[in-house]
Amino acid sequence: MRIRLRQIVMVAADLDAAERRITDELGVELCYRDPGVATFGLRNALFPIGDKLLEVVSPTQDGTTAGRFLDKRGGDGGYMVIFETDDLDAARARFEQAGVRVVFEAEEEGIVGLHLHPADVGGAIVSIDRTEEWGEWPWAGPAWRDHVRTERVTDVVGVEIEATDPDAMAARWSAVLGRPVVDRRIDLDEGALTFVPAGERGDGVAGFTLAAAPGADPIDTTICNCPFVSR
C-alpha cells in the first residue's frame, strides 16, 4: 500500500487576505475555486505546490465546522491534512480496527475521499483519498497542473502537529495511516508528520515544511497563524 501527503488545508476568516499572502510569499498561483464547498457554507482557493496542494477555506455563514474551528482556536490556522492512497479498502479496515469513524465520504469522478471524525484522530480533520489514477487530483480542478509555479518552492514535505499528549496523538495517526511512529515522527511514501507538545492554542496543525527550489531564497514566514519554512 502506498500513502503520501497530498494536500494541506488552512481556514481563514479573510480569504482574500490569505490568498494575497500565499501568492506573494510562496510564489504560487491560484488554480481553482471549488463551487462544491458552498454546500458546507464555505469559499475556498487552491494552489499547487509541485504536485501537492495548498487549500484555504473560509466560512460564508454561521454554524459551519470551519467557523467553529476559528472560534475554538482563536483565529486562523491549519484545518485539514489530506493523504493519497492506492488502497482505500485497507484504509477502511484500519479505521474500523482503530475505532475511528468516517464522518463524510466525498466522491467525484475519478476520486473518493474519506473524512475521519476529528475527535477520533485529533489535531486536524484527516481525509484519506484514492484516485483512479495515481497522481491525478480532481479536487484541484481540471487544469491545476497548468498553474504549477516552482520558482520558490517545489513540494510540501512536512506537517507539524501540536498535541497535549503528542505520543498518544502520534499513535492514533499511525494507526490510521498504517505507518510506524519513530521519535514522534511518521514517515510516509512522500512527506512526514511530526508531533510536538501543544502551546497556548492547544491541539492542532502547527506549521508546514516546503521544499525550496534550487537557488531560491529560503522561506520563513507565517500565514494564517501557521509557520511556513522551506529547506
Protein backbone atom coordinates (compact mmCIF):
# COMPACT_ATOMS: atom_id res chain seq x y z
CA MET A 1 0.00 0.00 0.00
CA ARG A 2 1.22 3.48 -0.88
CA ILE A 3 0.22 6.53 1.11
CA ARG A 4 1.55 10.05 0.81
CA LEU A 5 0.85 13.57 1.95
CA ARG A 6 -1.13 15.24 -0.84
CA GLN A 7 -2.99 18.33 0.38
CA ILE A 8 -2.84 20.72 3.32
CA VAL A 9 -5.78 22.92 4.26
CA MET A 10 -5.98 26.07 6.34
CA VAL A 11 -9.03 28.03 7.49
CA ALA A 12 -9.09 31.82 7.36
CA ALA A 13 -11.61 34.43 8.38
CA ASP A 14 -10.45 36.64 5.48
CA LEU A 15 -9.91 34.50 2.39
CA ASP A 16 -8.80 37.35 0.14
CA ALA A 17 -6.07 38.44 2.55
CA ALA A 18 -4.86 34.85 2.94
CA GLU A 19 -4.68 34.43 -0.84
CA ARG A 20 -2.55 37.54 -1.21
CA ARG A 21 -0.10 36.35 1.43
CA ILE A 22 0.17 32.91 -0.15
CA THR A 23 0.81 34.13 -3.68
CA ASP A 24 3.16 36.92 -2.61
CA GLU A 25 5.26 34.98 -0.12
CA LEU A 26 5.26 31.44 -1.51
CA GLY A 27 5.36 32.36 -5.20
CA VAL A 28 2.48 30.05 -6.11
CA GLU A 29 -0.58 30.60 -8.29
CA LEU A 30 -4.30 30.06 -7.74
CA CYS A 31 -5.52 27.05 -9.70
CA TYR A 32 -9.16 26.53 -8.68
CA ARG A 33 -12.14 27.56 -6.61
CA ASP A 34 -14.41 24.62 -5.89
CA PRO A 35 -18.09 25.60 -6.14
CA GLY A 36 -18.99 22.42 -4.27
CA VAL A 37 -17.72 23.74 -0.93
CA ALA A 38 -20.64 26.19 -0.88
CA THR A 39 -22.70 23.20 0.32
CA PHE A 40 -20.73 23.43 3.58
CA GLY A 41 -21.08 27.21 3.85
CA LEU A 42 -17.54 27.86 2.59
CA ARG A 43 -15.47 29.60 -0.06
CA ASN A 44 -12.07 28.25 -0.99
CA ALA A 45 -8.92 28.72 -3.01
CA LEU A 46 -6.42 26.06 -4.12
CA PHE A 47 -2.76 26.49 -5.01
CA PRO A 48 -0.45 23.76 -6.39
CA ILE A 49 3.00 23.36 -4.82
CA GLY A 50 4.66 20.92 -7.17
CA ASP A 51 2.16 18.06 -7.29
CA LYS A 52 0.85 18.79 -3.79
CA LEU A 53 -1.94 21.24 -3.00
CA LEU A 54 -2.46 24.03 -0.51
CA GLU A 55 -6.08 24.98 0.13
CA VAL A 56 -7.61 27.77 2.18
CA VAL A 57 -11.28 27.69 3.18
CA SER A 58 -13.33 30.47 4.72
CA PRO A 59 -16.85 30.40 6.20
CA THR A 60 -19.62 32.30 4.42
CA GLN A 61 -22.31 31.62 7.02
CA ASP A 62 -22.74 30.90 10.70
CA GLY A 63 -22.70 27.40 12.16
CA THR A 64 -20.05 25.81 9.93
CA THR A 65 -17.43 23.37 11.16
CA ALA A 66 -14.76 25.75 9.88
CA GLY A 67 -16.34 28.65 11.77
CA ARG A 68 -16.39 26.66 14.99
CA PHE A 69 -12.74 25.85 14.41
CA LEU A 70 -11.91 29.56 14.11
CA ASP A 71 -13.67 30.19 17.42
CA LYS A 72 -12.09 27.22 19.18
CA ARG A 73 -8.51 28.02 18.19
CA GLY A 74 -8.89 31.76 18.44
CA GLY A 75 -8.33 32.59 14.78
CA ASP A 76 -6.94 31.26 11.51
CA GLY A 77 -4.98 28.02 11.44
CA GLY A 78 -4.28 24.63 9.93
CA TYR A 79 -7.51 22.71 9.41
CA MET A 80 -7.18 19.51 7.38
CA VAL A 81 -4.48 17.12 6.21
CA ILE A 82 -5.33 15.02 3.16
CA PHE A 83 -3.49 11.89 2.09
CA GLU A 84 -3.49 9.91 -1.15
CA THR A 85 -3.52 6.11 -1.01
CA ASP A 86 -3.79 3.39 -3.60
CA ASP A 87 -5.74 1.03 -1.31
CA LEU A 88 -8.84 2.54 0.25
CA ASP A 89 -10.18 -0.86 1.35
CA ALA A 90 -7.10 -1.41 3.51
CA ALA A 91 -7.55 2.09 4.92
CA ARG A 92 -11.18 1.36 5.85
CA ALA A 93 -10.07 -1.80 7.63
CA ARG A 94 -7.53 0.19 9.66
CA PHE A 95 -10.15 2.74 10.65
CA GLU A 96 -12.50 0.01 11.83
CA GLN A 97 -9.77 -1.74 13.81
CA ALA A 98 -8.74 1.54 15.44
CA GLY A 99 -12.33 2.56 16.24
CA VAL A 100 -12.12 5.64 14.02
CA ARG A 101 -15.37 6.83 12.46
CA VAL A 102 -15.81 8.04 8.89
CA VAL A 103 -17.97 11.17 9.09
CA PHE A 104 -18.18 12.02 5.40
CA GLU A 105 -17.46 10.27 2.12
CA ALA A 106 -16.65 12.69 -0.69
CA GLU A 107 -16.81 11.46 -4.27
CA GLU A 108 -16.31 12.96 -7.69
CA GLU A 109 -15.42 11.38 -11.00
CA GLY A 110 -12.02 9.78 -10.51
CA ILE A 111 -11.66 10.24 -6.75
CA VAL A 112 -13.11 9.16 -3.40
CA GLY A 113 -12.20 10.67 -0.03
CA LEU A 114 -12.98 9.51 3.50
CA HIS A 115 -13.11 12.25 6.15
CA LEU A 116 -12.42 10.95 9.64
CA HIS A 117 -14.02 12.13 12.85
CA PRO A 118 -11.66 14.70 14.38
CA ALA A 119 -12.48 13.52 17.89
CA ASP A 120 -11.19 10.04 17.00
CA VAL A 121 -7.90 11.20 15.46
CA GLY A 122 -7.15 14.63 16.90
CA GLY A 123 -5.10 17.56 15.68
CA ALA A 124 -6.90 18.10 12.36
CA ILE A 125 -9.59 16.74 10.11
CA VAL A 126 -7.90 13.86 8.31
CA SER A 127 -9.01 12.62 4.91
CA ILE A 128 -7.68 9.55 3.11
CA ASP A 129 -8.37 9.68 -0.62
CA ARG A 130 -7.92 7.35 -3.58
CA THR A 131 -7.78 8.39 -7.22
CA GLU A 132 -8.47 6.18 -10.21
CA GLU A 133 -5.04 7.15 -11.50
CA TRP A 134 -2.23 7.78 -9.01
CA GLY A 135 -1.10 11.38 -9.21
CA GLU A 136 -4.31 12.86 -10.54
CA TRP A 137 -6.25 15.13 -8.18
CA PRO A 138 -9.75 16.11 -9.34
CA TRP A 139 -10.36 18.18 -6.17
CA ALA A 140 -7.97 20.77 -7.63
CA GLY A 141 -9.91 21.33 -10.83
CA PRO A 142 -9.35 20.21 -14.41
CA ALA A 143 -6.21 22.25 -15.16
CA TRP A 144 -4.31 22.54 -11.88
CA ARG A 145 -1.03 21.39 -13.43
CA ASP A 146 -1.10 24.43 -15.72
CA HIS A 147 -0.75 26.65 -12.65
CA VAL A 148 2.26 25.00 -11.02
CA ARG A 149 4.98 27.54 -10.26
CA THR A 150 8.27 26.26 -8.86
CA GLU A 151 10.47 29.35 -8.76
CA ARG A 152 10.42 29.44 -4.94
CA VAL A 153 9.00 26.14 -3.63
CA THR A 154 8.57 22.73 -5.24
CA ASP A 155 6.86 20.43 -2.73
CA VAL A 156 5.12 20.10 0.63
CA VAL A 157 7.33 17.77 2.64
CA GLY A 158 6.23 18.08 6.26
CA VAL A 159 3.40 18.89 8.65
CA GLU A 160 3.95 19.66 12.33
CA ILE A 161 1.08 18.90 14.70
CA GLU A 162 0.72 20.19 18.25
CA ALA A 163 -0.81 17.94 20.89
CA THR A 164 -1.34 17.99 24.62
CA ASP A 165 -0.13 14.38 24.52
CA PRO A 166 2.00 14.13 21.37
CA ASP A 167 2.85 10.46 21.88
CA ALA A 168 -0.80 9.45 22.12
CA MET A 169 -1.79 11.54 19.12
CA ALA A 170 1.09 10.20 17.04
CA ALA A 171 -0.05 6.67 17.88
CA ARG A 172 -3.59 7.43 16.67
CA TRP A 173 -2.34 8.90 13.40
CA SER A 174 -0.03 5.93 12.96
CA ALA A 175 -2.95 3.53 13.31
CA VAL A 176 -4.95 5.47 10.74
CA LEU A 177 -2.12 5.81 8.22
CA GLY A 178 -0.58 2.37 8.63
CA ARG A 179 2.92 3.71 9.16
CA PRO A 180 5.08 3.44 12.30
CA VAL A 181 5.98 6.26 14.66
CA VAL A 182 9.68 6.82 15.41
CA ASP A 183 10.56 9.62 17.83
CA ARG A 184 7.16 11.29 17.32
CA ARG A 185 7.61 11.25 13.56
CA ILE A 186 5.67 9.34 10.89
CA ASP A 187 7.38 8.97 7.51
CA LEU A 188 5.14 8.38 4.51
CA ASP A 189 5.96 7.45 0.93
CA GLU A 190 6.11 11.20 0.38
CA GLY A 191 6.10 13.64 3.27
CA ALA A 192 6.40 13.30 7.03
CA LEU A 193 4.41 14.24 10.12
CA THR A 194 5.96 15.36 13.39
CA PHE A 195 4.17 15.73 16.72
CA VAL A 196 5.18 18.31 19.30
CA PRO A 197 3.84 19.50 22.68
CA ALA A 198 0.94 21.92 22.33
CA GLY A 199 1.33 25.61 23.00
CA GLU A 200 -1.28 28.14 24.06
CA ARG A 201 -3.64 27.35 21.16
CA GLY A 202 -3.97 23.69 22.09
CA ASP A 203 -4.11 20.70 19.76
CA GLY A 204 -3.86 21.44 16.04
CA VAL A 205 -1.70 21.86 12.98
CA ALA A 206 1.31 23.95 13.96
CA GLY A 207 3.16 24.50 10.68
CA PHE A 208 4.39 23.27 7.32
CA THR A 209 7.74 22.50 5.72
CA LEU A 210 8.22 23.08 1.99
CA ALA A 211 10.99 22.06 -0.39
CA ALA A 212 12.88 25.09 -1.64
CA ALA A 213 13.53 25.50 -5.34
CA PRO A 214 17.22 25.22 -6.28
CA GLY A 215 18.88 28.58 -5.74
CA ALA A 216 15.78 30.18 -4.22
CA ASP A 217 15.96 32.19 -1.03
CA PRO A 218 14.61 30.19 1.93
CA ILE A 219 11.10 30.97 3.15
CA ASP A 220 10.42 31.60 6.81
CA THR A 221 7.02 33.21 7.21
CA THR A 222 3.68 32.79 8.96
CA ILE A 223 0.38 32.66 7.08
CA CYS A 224 -2.97 32.05 8.78
CA ASN A 225 -1.08 31.60 12.07
CA CYS A 226 0.87 28.70 10.52
CA PRO A 227 4.64 28.92 10.10
CA PHE A 228 5.91 28.02 6.63
CA VAL A 229 9.61 27.22 6.19
CA SER A 230 11.42 25.98 3.11
CA ARG A 231 14.55 23.85 3.02
